[in-house]
C-alpha atoms as a PDB file:
ATOM      1  CA  MET A   1     -42.636  -3.344 -92.248  1.00  0.00           C
ATOM      2  CA  PHE A   2     -40.373  -2.410 -95.126  1.00  0.00           C
ATOM      3  CA  GLY A   3     -37.434  -2.659 -92.651  1.00  0.00           C
ATOM      4  CA  LEU A   4     -38.650   0.043 -90.235  1.00  0.00           C
ATOM      5  CA  ARG A   5     -38.169  -0.699 -86.554  1.00  0.00           C
ATOM      6  CA  TYR A   6     -39.075   1.128 -83.368  1.00  0.00           C
ATOM      7  CA  VAL A   7     -36.911   1.136 -80.261  1.00  0.00           C
ATOM      8  CA  LYS A   8     -37.573   2.570 -76.822  1.00  0.00           C
ATOM      9  CA  ALA A   9     -34.761   2.543 -74.225  1.00  0.00           C
ATOM     10  CA  SER A  10     -35.111   2.840 -70.456  1.00  0.00           C
ATOM     11  CA  PRO A  11     -33.611   5.863 -68.630  1.00  0.00           C
ATOM     12  CA  SER A  12     -30.792   3.616 -67.329  1.00  0.00           C
ATOM     13  CA  THR A  13     -29.793   2.386 -70.800  1.00  0.00           C
ATOM     14  CA  TYR A  14     -27.439   4.234 -73.090  1.00  0.00           C
ATOM     15  CA  VAL A  15     -28.291   3.685 -76.772  1.00  0.00           C
ATOM     16  CA  ILE A  16     -26.083   4.462 -79.773  1.00  0.00           C
ATOM     17  CA  GLN A  17     -27.454   4.276 -83.346  1.00  0.00           C
ATOM     18  CA  TYR A  18     -24.926   3.669 -86.067  1.00  0.00           C
ATOM     19  CA  ARG A  19     -25.699   4.213 -89.783  1.00  0.00           C
ATOM     20  CA  ASN A  20     -23.196   3.090 -92.292  1.00  0.00           C
ATOM     21  CA  GLY A  21     -20.629   2.793 -89.472  1.00  0.00           C
ATOM     22  CA  GLN A  22     -21.147   6.327 -88.123  1.00  0.00           C
ATOM     23  CA  PRO A  23     -23.024   7.237 -84.918  1.00  0.00           C
ATOM     24  CA  VAL A  24     -26.118   9.276 -85.748  1.00  0.00           C
ATOM     25  CA  ARG A  25     -27.987   9.185 -82.439  1.00  0.00           C
ATOM     26  CA  GLU A  26     -26.996   8.381 -78.824  1.00  0.00           C
ATOM     27  CA  GLY A  27     -28.246   8.969 -75.302  1.00  0.00           C
ATOM     28  CA  THR A  28     -30.289   7.523 -72.478  1.00  0.00           C
ATOM     29  CA  GLY A  29     -33.995   6.824 -72.606  1.00  0.00           C
ATOM     30  CA  LEU A  30     -34.279   7.374 -76.389  1.00  0.00           C
ATOM     31  CA  ALA A  31     -37.307   6.320 -78.411  1.00  0.00           C
ATOM     32  CA  PHE A  32     -37.136   6.424 -82.219  1.00  0.00           C
ATOM     33  CA  PHE A  33     -37.730   4.618 -85.524  1.00  0.00           C
ATOM     34  CA  TYR A  34     -34.813   3.353 -87.510  1.00  0.00           C
ATOM     35  CA  PHE A  35     -34.268   1.544 -90.810  1.00  0.00           C
ATOM     36  CA  ALA A  36     -32.924  -1.871 -89.923  1.00  0.00           C
ATOM     37  CA  PRO A  37     -31.056  -2.739 -93.168  1.00  0.00           C
ATOM     38  CA  ASN A  38     -28.553   0.119 -92.816  1.00  0.00           C
ATOM     39  CA  ALA A  39     -28.561   0.695 -89.043  1.00  0.00           C
ATOM     40  CA  SER A  40     -27.174  -1.015 -85.982  1.00  0.00           C
ATOM     41  CA  LEU A  41     -27.979  -0.320 -82.321  1.00  0.00           C
ATOM     42  CA  VAL A  42     -25.675  -0.516 -79.342  1.00  0.00           C
ATOM     43  CA  SER A  43     -27.322  -0.757 -75.870  1.00  0.00           C
ATOM     44  CA  VAL A  44     -25.188  -0.293 -72.765  1.00  0.00           C
ATOM     45  CA  PRO A  45     -26.931  -0.622 -69.365  1.00  0.00           C
ATOM     46  CA  LEU A  46     -25.911   2.111 -66.878  1.00  0.00           C
ATOM     47  CA  GLU A  47     -27.436   0.733 -63.677  1.00  0.00           C
ATOM     48  CA  SER A  48     -25.132  -0.504 -60.905  1.00  0.00           C
ATOM     49  CA  VAL A  49     -24.349  -4.194 -60.804  1.00  0.00           C
ATOM     50  CA  ASP A  50     -23.558  -6.303 -57.708  1.00  0.00           C
ATOM     51  CA  VAL A  51     -21.121  -9.144 -58.351  1.00  0.00           C
ATOM     52  CA  PRO A  52     -20.185 -11.575 -55.559  1.00  0.00           C
ATOM     53  CA  PHE A  53     -16.771 -13.159 -55.580  1.00  0.00           C
ATOM     54  CA  MET A  54     -14.773 -15.766 -53.694  1.00  0.00           C
ATOM     55  CA  PHE A  55     -11.040 -16.336 -54.225  1.00  0.00           C
ATOM     56  CA  ASN A  56      -8.511 -18.822 -52.939  1.00  0.00           C
ATOM     57  CA  GLU A  57      -5.139 -17.133 -52.614  1.00  0.00           C
ATOM     58  CA  VAL A  58      -1.854 -17.633 -50.751  1.00  0.00           C
ATOM     59  CA  SER A  59      -0.492 -15.199 -48.156  1.00  0.00           C
ATOM     60  CA  SER A  60       3.147 -14.181 -47.759  1.00  0.00           C
ATOM     61  CA  ASP A  61       3.680 -16.977 -45.200  1.00  0.00           C
ATOM     62  CA  PHE A  62       2.349 -19.548 -47.731  1.00  0.00           C
ATOM     63  CA  GLN A  63      -1.010 -20.059 -46.069  1.00  0.00           C
ATOM     64  CA  GLN A  64      -4.143 -20.629 -48.133  1.00  0.00           C
ATOM     65  CA  VAL A  65      -6.696 -17.883 -47.684  1.00  0.00           C
ATOM     66  CA  THR A  66     -10.286 -17.752 -48.886  1.00  0.00           C
ATOM     67  CA  VAL A  67     -11.577 -14.230 -49.495  1.00  0.00           C
ATOM     68  CA  GLN A  68     -15.302 -13.746 -49.916  1.00  0.00           C
ATOM     69  CA  GLY A  69     -16.967 -10.458 -50.785  1.00  0.00           C
ATOM     70  CA  GLN A  70     -18.970  -8.393 -53.210  1.00  0.00           C
ATOM     71  CA  VAL A  71     -18.089  -5.651 -55.676  1.00  0.00           C
ATOM     72  CA  THR A  72     -20.547  -3.075 -57.021  1.00  0.00           C
ATOM     73  CA  TYR A  73     -19.832  -1.145 -60.223  1.00  0.00           C
ATOM     74  CA  ARG A  74     -21.600   0.886 -62.902  1.00  0.00           C
ATOM     75  CA  VAL A  75     -20.834   2.125 -66.398  1.00  0.00           C
ATOM     76  CA  THR A  76     -19.676   5.738 -66.547  1.00  0.00           C
ATOM     77  CA  GLU A  77     -18.194   5.774 -70.065  1.00  0.00           C
ATOM     78  CA  PRO A  78     -20.576   3.725 -72.241  1.00  0.00           C
ATOM     79  CA  LYS A  79     -18.833   4.697 -75.511  1.00  0.00           C
ATOM     80  CA  THR A  80     -15.496   3.475 -74.098  1.00  0.00           C
ATOM     81  CA  LEU A  81     -17.062   0.195 -72.991  1.00  0.00           C
ATOM     82  CA  ALA A  82     -18.859  -0.157 -76.338  1.00  0.00           C
ATOM     83  CA  SER A  83     -15.591   0.351 -78.188  1.00  0.00           C
ATOM     84  CA  LEU A  84     -13.942  -2.427 -76.165  1.00  0.00           C
ATOM     85  CA  MET A  85     -16.792  -4.930 -76.142  1.00  0.00           C
ATOM     86  CA  ASN A  86     -19.699  -5.741 -78.434  1.00  0.00           C
ATOM     87  CA  PHE A  87     -23.002  -4.430 -77.023  1.00  0.00           C
ATOM     88  CA  THR A  88     -24.878  -4.551 -80.369  1.00  0.00           C
ATOM     89  CA  ILE A  89     -28.472  -5.731 -80.083  1.00  0.00           C
ATOM     90  CA  LYS A  90     -30.705  -7.568 -82.512  1.00  0.00           C
ATOM     91  CA  PRO A  91     -34.095  -6.194 -83.653  1.00  0.00           C
ATOM     92  CA  ASN A  92     -35.705  -8.345 -80.978  1.00  0.00           C
ATOM     93  CA  GLY A  93     -33.544  -6.708 -78.266  1.00  0.00           C
ATOM     94  CA  GLU A  94     -31.104  -9.553 -77.695  1.00  0.00           C
ATOM     95  CA  TYR A  95     -27.348  -9.074 -77.785  1.00  0.00           C
ATOM     96  CA  VAL A  96     -25.616 -10.460 -80.818  1.00  0.00           C
ATOM     97  CA  SER A  97     -22.604 -11.596 -78.684  1.00  0.00           C
ATOM     98  CA  GLU A  98     -21.833 -12.758 -75.161  1.00  0.00           C
ATOM     99  CA  ASP A  99     -19.604  -9.776 -74.363  1.00  0.00           C
ATOM    100  CA  PRO A 100     -22.153  -8.081 -72.082  1.00  0.00           C
ATOM    101  CA  THR A 101     -22.146 -11.135 -69.818  1.00  0.00           C
ATOM    102  CA  LYS A 102     -18.353 -11.052 -69.594  1.00  0.00           C
ATOM    103  CA  VAL A 103     -18.187  -7.599 -67.970  1.00  0.00           C
ATOM    104  CA  PRO A 104     -18.846  -8.859 -64.400  1.00  0.00           C
ATOM    105  CA  GLN A 105     -16.115 -11.458 -64.799  1.00  0.00           C
ATOM    106  CA  ARG A 106     -13.659  -8.781 -65.960  1.00  0.00           C
ATOM    107  CA  VAL A 107     -14.522  -6.737 -62.891  1.00  0.00           C
ATOM    108  CA  VAL A 108     -14.033  -9.778 -60.669  1.00  0.00           C
ATOM    109  CA  ASN A 109     -10.698 -10.462 -62.371  1.00  0.00           C
ATOM    110  CA  ALA A 110      -9.575  -6.897 -61.697  1.00  0.00           C
ATOM    111  CA  VAL A 111     -10.586  -7.313 -58.025  1.00  0.00           C
ATOM    112  CA  GLN A 112      -8.714 -10.612 -57.828  1.00  0.00           C
ATOM    113  CA  VAL A 113      -5.563  -9.044 -59.284  1.00  0.00           C
ATOM    114  CA  GLN A 114      -5.629  -6.294 -56.682  1.00  0.00           C
ATOM    115  CA  LEU A 115      -6.400  -8.746 -53.866  1.00  0.00           C
ATOM    116  CA  ARG A 116      -3.585 -11.064 -54.915  1.00  0.00           C
ATOM    117  CA  SER A 117      -1.026  -8.253 -54.834  1.00  0.00           C
ATOM    118  CA  VAL A 118      -2.168  -7.379 -51.315  1.00  0.00           C
ATOM    119  CA  LEU A 119      -2.452 -10.950 -50.013  1.00  0.00           C
ATOM    120  CA  GLN A 120       0.987 -11.934 -51.212  1.00  0.00           C
ATOM    121  CA  GLY A 121       2.511  -9.037 -49.287  1.00  0.00           C
ATOM    122  CA  GLN A 122       0.981  -9.812 -45.864  1.00  0.00           C
ATOM    123  CA  THR A 123       0.942 -12.699 -43.451  1.00  0.00           C
ATOM    124  CA  LEU A 124      -2.167 -14.638 -42.596  1.00  0.00           C
ATOM    125  CA  GLN A 125      -2.519 -13.149 -39.134  1.00  0.00           C
ATOM    126  CA  ASP A 126      -2.126  -9.619 -40.534  1.00  0.00           C
ATOM    127  CA  LEU A 127      -4.835 -10.319 -43.086  1.00  0.00           C
ATOM    128  CA  LEU A 128      -7.176 -11.673 -40.420  1.00  0.00           C
ATOM    129  CA  ARG A 129      -6.591  -8.669 -38.209  1.00  0.00           C
ATOM    130  CA  ALA A 130      -6.621  -5.935 -40.898  1.00  0.00           C
ATOM    131  CA  SER A 131      -9.544  -6.657 -43.233  1.00  0.00           C
ATOM    132  CA  GLU A 132     -10.504  -2.969 -43.391  1.00  0.00           C
ATOM    133  CA  ARG A 133      -7.036  -2.017 -44.575  1.00  0.00           C
ATOM    134  CA  LEU A 134      -7.257  -4.801 -47.171  1.00  0.00           C
ATOM    135  CA  VAL A 135     -10.523  -3.394 -48.533  1.00  0.00           C
ATOM    136  CA  GLN A 136      -9.149   0.125 -48.677  1.00  0.00           C
ATOM    137  CA  THR A 137      -6.020  -0.989 -50.539  1.00  0.00           C
ATOM    138  CA  VAL A 138      -7.999  -2.962 -53.155  1.00  0.00           C
ATOM    139  CA  ARG A 139     -10.468  -0.104 -53.546  1.00  0.00           C
ATOM    140  CA  ASP A 140      -7.672   2.382 -54.216  1.00  0.00           C
ATOM    141  CA  GLY A 141      -6.122  -0.009 -56.754  1.00  0.00           C
ATOM    142  CA  LEU A 142      -9.387  -0.425 -58.666  1.00  0.00           C
ATOM    143  CA  ARG A 143      -9.805   3.357 -58.895  1.00  0.00           C
ATOM    144  CA  GLN A 144      -6.440   3.808 -60.570  1.00  0.00           C
ATOM    145  CA  PRO A 145      -6.424   4.695 -64.338  1.00  0.00           C
ATOM    146  CA  GLU A 146      -5.360   1.167 -65.203  1.00  0.00           C
ATOM    147  CA  GLY A 147      -8.188  -0.269 -63.110  1.00  0.00           C
ATOM    148  CA  LEU A 148     -11.892  -0.235 -63.823  1.00  0.00           C
ATOM    149  CA  SER A 149     -11.765   3.211 -65.400  1.00  0.00           C
ATOM    150  CA  SER A 150      -9.870   1.746 -68.362  1.00  0.00           C
ATOM    151  CA  LEU A 151     -13.049  -0.215 -69.158  1.00  0.00           C
ATOM    152  CA  GLY A 152     -15.279   2.820 -68.739  1.00  0.00           C
ATOM    153  CA  LEU A 153     -16.508   1.517 -65.363  1.00  0.00           C
ATOM    154  CA  GLU A 154     -16.666   3.085 -61.911  1.00  0.00           C
ATOM    155  CA  LEU A 155     -16.311   1.289 -58.592  1.00  0.00           C
ATOM    156  CA  VAL A 156     -19.350   1.971 -56.438  1.00  0.00           C
ATOM    157  CA  ASN A 157     -18.539  -0.232 -53.462  1.00  0.00           C
ATOM    158  CA  LEU A 158     -16.301  -3.073 -52.414  1.00  0.00           C
ATOM    159  CA  ALA A 159     -17.035  -5.259 -49.404  1.00  0.00           C
ATOM    160  CA  VAL A 160     -14.927  -8.123 -48.094  1.00  0.00           C
ATOM    161  CA  LEU A 161     -17.297 -10.307 -46.131  1.00  0.00           C
ATOM    162  CA  ALA A 162     -14.831 -12.924 -44.887  1.00  0.00           C
ATOM    163  CA  VAL A 163     -11.142 -13.817 -44.898  1.00  0.00           C
ATOM    164  CA  ARG A 164     -10.805 -17.457 -43.901  1.00  0.00           C
ATOM    165  CA  PRO A 165      -7.791 -19.775 -43.689  1.00  0.00           C
ATOM    166  CA  ASN A 166      -8.089 -23.462 -44.462  1.00  0.00           C
ATOM    167  CA  PRO A 167      -9.684 -25.644 -41.752  1.00  0.00           C
ATOM    168  CA  GLU A 168      -6.376 -27.041 -40.404  1.00  0.00           C
ATOM    169  CA  THR A 169      -4.823 -23.583 -40.134  1.00  0.00           C
ATOM    170  CA  SER A 170      -8.028 -22.243 -38.651  1.00  0.00           C
ATOM    171  CA  ARG A 171      -7.968 -24.910 -35.938  1.00  0.00           C
ATOM    172  CA  ALA A 172      -4.298 -24.167 -35.277  1.00  0.00           C
ATOM    173  CA  LEU A 173      -5.038 -20.446 -35.009  1.00  0.00           C
ATOM    174  CA  GLU A 174      -8.008 -21.180 -32.789  1.00  0.00           C
ATOM    175  CA  ALA A 175      -5.760 -23.314 -30.590  1.00  0.00           C
ATOM    176  CA  THR A 176      -3.162 -20.542 -30.477  1.00  0.00           C
ATOM    177  CA  VAL A 177      -5.765 -17.919 -29.642  1.00  0.00           C
ATOM    178  CA  ARG A 178      -7.392 -20.270 -27.155  1.00  0.00           C
ATOM    179  CA  GLU A 179      -4.042 -20.812 -25.473  1.00  0.00           C
ATOM    180  CA  GLN A 180      -3.460 -17.076 -25.427  1.00  0.00           C
ATOM    181  CA  ILE A 181      -6.877 -16.542 -23.895  1.00  0.00           C
ATOM    182  CA  LEU A 182      -6.200 -19.265 -21.333  1.00  0.00           C
ATOM    183  CA  LYS A 183      -2.816 -17.695 -20.647  1.00  0.00           C
ATOM    184  CA  GLN A 184      -4.481 -14.318 -20.206  1.00  0.00           C
ATOM    185  CA  ALA A 185      -6.980 -15.962 -17.857  1.00  0.00           C
ATOM    186  CA  ASP A 186      -4.103 -17.563 -15.931  1.00  0.00           C
ATOM    187  CA  ASP A 187      -2.294 -14.231 -15.881  1.00  0.00           C
ATOM    188  CA  ALA A 188      -5.449 -12.587 -14.586  1.00  0.00           C
ATOM    189  CA  THR A 189      -5.703 -15.295 -11.912  1.00  0.00           C
ATOM    190  CA  TYR A 190      -2.054 -14.815 -10.977  1.00  0.00           C
ATOM    191  CA  LEU A 191      -2.509 -11.051 -10.926  1.00  0.00           C
ATOM    192  CA  ARG A 192      -5.548 -11.458  -8.698  1.00  0.00           C
ATOM    193  CA  ARG A 193      -3.615 -13.796  -6.410  1.00  0.00           C
ATOM    194  CA  ASN A 194      -0.635 -11.464  -6.390  1.00  0.00           C
ATOM    195  CA  SER A 195      -2.976  -8.587  -5.632  1.00  0.00           C
ATOM    196  CA  ALA A 196      -4.517 -10.584  -2.794  1.00  0.00           C
ATOM    197  CA  ILE A 197      -1.032 -11.476  -1.521  1.00  0.00           C
ATOM    198  CA  GLU A 198       0.046  -7.851  -1.770  1.00  0.00           C
ATOM    199  CA  GLN A 199      -3.063  -6.739   0.094  1.00  0.00           C
ATOM    200  CA  GLU A 200      -2.516  -9.417   2.743  1.00  0.00           C
ATOM    201  CA  ARG A 201       1.126  -8.366   3.032  1.00  0.00           C
ATOM    202  CA  ALA A 202       0.043  -4.737   3.359  1.00  0.00           C
ATOM    203  CA  ILE A 203      -2.447  -5.720   6.072  1.00  0.00           C
ATOM    204  CA  LYS A 204       0.228  -7.723   7.916  1.00  0.00           C
ATOM    205  CA  GLU A 205       2.660  -4.835   7.588  1.00  0.00           C
ATOM    206  CA  ASN A 206       0.015  -2.494   8.973  1.00  0.00           C
ATOM    207  CA  GLU A 207      -0.640  -4.906  11.844  1.00  0.00           C
ATOM    208  CA  LEU A 208       3.099  -5.233  12.471  1.00  0.00           C
ATOM    209  CA  ASN A 209       3.531  -1.472  12.318  1.00  0.00           C
ATOM    210  CA  THR A 210       0.636  -1.121  14.744  1.00  0.00           C
ATOM    211  CA  GLU A 211       2.214  -3.670  17.109  1.00  0.00           C
ATOM    212  CA  ILE A 212       5.562  -1.878  16.798  1.00  0.00           C
ATOM    213  CA  ALA A 213       3.866   1.437  17.524  1.00  0.00           C
ATOM    214  CA  VAL A 214       2.081  -0.074  20.539  1.00  0.00           C
ATOM    215  CA  GLU A 215       5.304  -1.630  21.832  1.00  0.00           C
ATOM    216  CA  THR A 216       7.117   1.651  21.268  1.00  0.00           C
ATOM    217  CA  LYS A 217       4.402   3.463  23.189  1.00  0.00           C
ATOM    218  CA  LYS A 218       4.572   0.895  25.987  1.00  0.00           C
ATOM    219  CA  ARG A 219       8.359   1.222  26.086  1.00  0.00           C
ATOM    220  CA  GLN A 220       8.013   4.997  26.255  1.00  0.00           C
ATOM    221  CA  ILE A 221       5.502   4.607  29.077  1.00  0.00           C
ATOM    222  CA  ARG A 222       7.849   2.207  30.919  1.00  0.00           C
ATOM    223  CA  GLU A 223      10.761   4.547  30.374  1.00  0.00           C
ATOM    224  CA  THR A 224       8.639   7.434  31.633  1.00  0.00           C
ATOM    225  CA  GLN A 225       7.626   5.386  34.668  1.00  0.00           C
ATOM    226  CA  LEU A 226      11.234   4.333  35.295  1.00  0.00           C
ATOM    227  CA  GLU A 227      12.325   7.928  34.916  1.00  0.00           C
ATOM    228  CA  ALA A 228       9.604   9.013  37.329  1.00  0.00           C
ATOM    229  CA  GLU A 229      10.649   6.263  39.768  1.00  0.00           C
ATOM    230  CA  ARG A 230      14.287   7.281  39.359  1.00  0.00           C
ATOM    231  CA  VAL A 231      13.409  10.908  40.028  1.00  0.00           C
ATOM    232  CA  ALA A 232      11.272   9.875  43.015  1.00  0.00           C
ATOM    233  CA  GLN A 233      14.109   7.604  44.267  1.00  0.00           C
ATOM    234  CA  GLN A 234      16.517  10.469  43.811  1.00  0.00           C
ATOM    235  CA  LYS A 235      14.160  12.741  45.723  1.00  0.00           C
ATOM    236  CA  ARG A 236      13.807  10.147  48.485  1.00  0.00           C
ATOM    237  CA  GLN A 237      17.582   9.706  48.536  1.00  0.00           C
ATOM    238  CA  GLU A 238      18.026  13.445  48.748  1.00  0.00           C
ATOM    239  CA  ILE A 239      15.469  13.572  51.568  1.00  0.00           C
ATOM    240  CA  GLN A 240      17.212  10.672  53.303  1.00  0.00           C
ATOM    241  CA  ASN A 241      20.559  12.370  52.789  1.00  0.00           C
ATOM    242  CA  GLU A 242      19.147  15.590  54.169  1.00  0.00           C
ATOM    243  CA  ASP A 243      17.602  13.646  57.090  1.00  0.00           C
ATOM    244  CA  MET A 244      20.879  11.816  57.627  1.00  0.00           C
ATOM    245  CA  ALA A 245      22.729  15.078  57.427  1.00  0.00           C
ATOM    246  CA  GLY A 246      20.302  16.516  59.957  1.00  0.00           C
ATOM    247  CA  ARG A 247      20.762  13.481  62.215  1.00  0.00           C
ATOM    248  CA  ILE A 248      24.511  13.679  61.820  1.00  0.00           C
ATOM    249  CA  ALA A 249      24.374  17.358  62.629  1.00  0.00           C
ATOM    250  CA  LEU A 250      22.146  16.586  65.632  1.00  0.00           C
ATOM    251  CA  GLU A 251      24.462  13.780  66.692  1.00  0.00           C
ATOM    252  CA  ASP A 252      27.373  16.144  66.287  1.00  0.00           C
ATOM    253  CA  LYS A 253      25.535  18.658  68.430  1.00  0.00           C
ATOM    254  CA  ASN A 254      24.690  15.930  70.990  1.00  0.00           C
ATOM    255  CA  LYS A 255      28.277  14.779  70.883  1.00  0.00           C
ATOM    256  CA  ALA A 256      29.471  18.311  71.418  1.00  0.00           C
ATOM    257  CA  LEU A 257      26.925  18.766  74.208  1.00  0.00           C
ATOM    258  CA  THR A 258      27.946  15.461  75.801  1.00  0.00           C
ATOM    259  CA  ALA A 259      31.563  16.440  75.529  1.00  0.00           C
ATOM    260  CA  LEU A 260      30.729  19.792  77.079  1.00  0.00           C
ATOM    261  CA  ARG A 261      28.766  18.035  79.843  1.00  0.00           C
ATOM    262  CA  MET A 262      31.661  15.665  80.432  1.00  0.00           C
ATOM    263  CA  GLU A 263      34.022  18.562  80.461  1.00  0.00           C
ATOM    264  CA  ASN A 264      31.770  20.404  82.907  1.00  0.00           C
ATOM    265  CA  ALA A 265      31.361  17.260  85.070  1.00  0.00           C
ATOM    266  CA  GLN A 266      35.125  16.785  84.966  1.00  0.00           C
ATOM    267  CA  LYS A 267      35.588  20.340  85.996  1.00  0.00           C
ATOM    268  CA  GLU A 268      32.992  19.942  88.800  1.00  0.00           C
ATOM    269  CA  ALA A 269      34.634  16.683  89.933  1.00  0.00           C
ATOM    270  CA  ASP A 270      38.029  18.384  89.852  1.00  0.00           C
ATOM    271  CA  ALA A 271      36.570  21.247  91.837  1.00  0.00           C
ATOM    272  CA  ARG A 272      35.051  18.863  94.447  1.00  0.00           C
ATOM    273  CA  ALA A 273      38.264  16.848  94.546  1.00  0.00           C
ATOM    274  CA  TYR A 274      40.180  20.043  95.014  1.00  0.00           C
ATOM    275  CA  ALA A 275      37.807  21.087  97.802  1.00  0.00           C
ATOM    276  CA  VAL A 276      37.999  17.675  99.456  1.00  0.00           C
ATOM    277  CA  GLY A 277      41.759  17.755  99.063  1.00  0.00           C
ATOM    278  CA  ALA A 278      41.907  21.175 100.583  1.00  0.00           C
ATOM    279  CA  VAL A 279      39.745  19.984 103.532  1.00  0.00           C
ATOM    280  CA  MET A 280      41.895  16.884 103.892  1.00  0.00           C
ATOM    281  CA  LYS A 281      45.016  18.985 103.948  1.00  0.00           C
ATOM    282  CA  ALA A 282      43.390  21.170 106.564  1.00  0.00           C
ATOM    283  CA  VAL A 283      42.448  18.293 108.915  1.00  0.00           C
ATOM    284  CA  GLN A 284      45.534  16.213 108.119  1.00  0.00           C
ATOM    285  CA  GLY A 285      47.232  15.294 111.404  1.00  0.00           C
ATOM    286  CA  VAL A 286      44.153  16.080 113.621  1.00  0.00           C
ATOM    287  CA  ASP A 287      42.869  13.356 115.918  1.00  0.00           C
ATOM    288  CA  PRO A 288      39.673  11.767 114.568  1.00  0.00           C
ATOM    289  CA  LYS A 289      38.044  12.080 117.923  1.00  0.00           C
ATOM    290  CA  VAL A 290      38.604  15.752 117.881  1.00  0.00           C
ATOM    291  CA  LEU A 291      36.893  15.908 114.510  1.00  0.00           C
ATOM    292  CA  GLN A 292      34.004  13.896 115.834  1.00  0.00           C
ATOM    293  CA  ALA A 293      33.715  16.169 118.784  1.00  0.00           C
ATOM    294  CA  LEU A 294      33.689  19.173 116.498  1.00  0.00           C
ATOM    295  CA  ASN A 295      30.917  17.599 114.483  1.00  0.00           C
ATOM    296  CA  VAL A 296      28.742  16.695 117.476  1.00  0.00           C
ATOM    297  CA  GLY A 297      26.999  20.002 117.602  1.00  0.00           C
ATOM    298  CA  ASN A 298      25.804  19.830 114.016  1.00  0.00           C
ATOM    299  CA  ALA A 299      25.130  16.054 113.867  1.00  0.00           C
ATOM    300  CA  ASP A 300      21.744  14.382 113.520  1.00  0.00           C
ATOM    301  CA  PRO A 301      20.453  12.571 116.650  1.00  0.00           C
ATOM    302  CA  SER A 302      20.596   9.249 114.839  1.00  0.00           C
ATOM    303  CA  ALA A 303      24.171   9.980 113.842  1.00  0.00           C
ATOM    304  CA  LEU A 304      24.971  10.705 117.481  1.00  0.00           C
ATOM    305  CA  ILE A 305      23.373   7.380 118.509  1.00  0.00           C
ATOM    306  CA  ALA A 306      25.423   5.658 115.786  1.00  0.00           C
ATOM    307  CA  MET A 307      28.556   7.294 117.174  1.00  0.00           C
ATOM    308  CA  ALA A 308      27.595   6.100 120.608  1.00  0.00           C
ATOM    309  CA  PHE A 309      27.166   2.564 119.435  1.00  0.00           C
ATOM    310  CA  GLN A 310      30.513   2.817 117.655  1.00  0.00           C
ATOM    311  CA  GLY A 311      32.139   3.906 120.927  1.00  0.00           C
ATOM    312  CA  LEU A 312      30.492   1.020 122.664  1.00  0.00           C
ATOM    313  CA  ALA A 313      31.776  -1.333 120.068  1.00  0.00           C
ATOM    314  CA  GLU A 314      35.278  -0.022 120.419  1.00  0.00           C
ATOM    315  CA  ASN A 315      35.172  -0.484 124.245  1.00  0.00           C
ATOM    316  CA  ALA A 316      33.192  -3.708 124.205  1.00  0.00           C
ATOM    317  CA  ASP A 317      35.926  -5.512 126.155  1.00  0.00           C
ATOM    318  CA  ARG A 318      35.507  -3.079 128.962  1.00  0.00           C
ATOM    319  CA  ILE A 319      31.703  -3.300 129.208  1.00  0.00           C
ATOM    320  CA  GLY A 320      30.384  -5.999 131.379  1.00  0.00           C
ATOM    321  CA  GLU A 321      26.674  -5.725 130.619  1.00  0.00           C
ATOM    322  CA  LEU A 322      24.668  -3.443 128.257  1.00  0.00           C
ATOM    323  CA  ASN A 323      20.845  -3.130 128.230  1.00  0.00           C
ATOM    324  CA  ILE A 324      19.078  -1.610 125.255  1.00  0.00           C
ATOM    325  CA  THR A 325      15.340  -1.120 125.651  1.00  0.00           C
ATOM    326  CA  PRO A 326      12.812  -1.912 122.890  1.00  0.00           C
ATOM    327  CA  ASP A 327      11.585   1.640 122.959  1.00  0.00           C
ATOM    328  CA  LEU A 328      14.988   2.882 121.941  1.00  0.00           C
ATOM    329  CA  LEU A 329      15.208   0.392 119.045  1.00  0.00           C
ATOM    330  CA  GLN A 330      11.663   1.238 117.939  1.00  0.00           C
ATOM    331  CA  GLN A 331      12.471   4.911 117.961  1.00  0.00           C
ATOM    332  CA  LEU A 332      15.629   4.341 115.911  1.00  0.00           C
ATOM    333  CA  ALA A 333      13.744   2.155 113.405  1.00  0.00           C
ATOM    334  CA  ALA A 334      10.991   4.749 113.048  1.00  0.00           C
ATOM    335  CA  LYS A 335      13.523   7.489 112.322  1.00  0.00           C
ATOM    336  CA  GLY A 336      15.224   5.216 109.768  1.00  0.00           C
ATOM    337  CA  GLN A 337      11.941   4.666 107.824  1.00  0.00           C
ATOM    338  CA  THR A 338      11.148   8.370 107.890  1.00  0.00           C
ATOM    339  CA  THR A 339      14.562   9.174 106.469  1.00  0.00           C
ATOM    340  CA  ALA A 340      14.115   6.513 103.723  1.00  0.00           C
ATOM    341  CA  ARG A 341      10.721   7.911 102.693  1.00  0.00           C
ATOM    342  CA  ALA A 342      12.174  11.384 102.599  1.00  0.00           C
END
């Protein structure tokens, strides 16, 4: 009534009252009466605002990229923002212009500018692999003096939810990654096979080394046995040589003994021959009958009978008749058997 109005601002709203073009009252959460004909009110909300965004940009390798995310900001310098944009409200609380609704778009435009500078400097694969670095770079750019702070705003948070290529490129990348995965699987299979082959080769080498060691041990045993047999053969040969030497020595001794015996027999025979020769020289030229007569006294009775028969035989042409009794023959035969037994 009479142009008086009452205004009550929330704690998150910064209010500035202008009178005749000069600020007379400002702050958050104010409640006051003002005269509408000569006053104007500026209301700047200070609460944080979440603004989603989605951009289609091109990477350095000319691939289309869709970046989806969300930016959160709040007003830190309401007077600066109010000087750049119209936040004047009507008596009913509505804004007199559409500038307050354009702030989120300005923030999104600032984010897009920073994202574009980053996207155009990296390849698609780098962007897909380094989303965290992308967020950090854009965040640092927005906090520069020429960023959001020039509008009196402060960046609260920036989140990039997705970085997607176009469907054809995505399928190509999926095929490339799939092939890489399949190649890694094949490599793993080959490595496993190679490992199995290496293990089998190691086992075969161990078996071969074991066989070689066994054969070496057997050869050593055979060599030891052959050496033992050689030593035993050498011992037997030495024993045989010693035995042969002993036999040769014995034979030499027997030979010497035989030669000595022969020499002694020769000497005895020479002695007997000499004695016989001496006897023959002594009786040489003597009548055999005289020798028989000299031997009659020492002769055996059978020898005397034999001499008698010899005389008879020599004078057989002079004997007319000769009778020999059986008793005489029996006696001669008996003496002959007794001499033979003796």
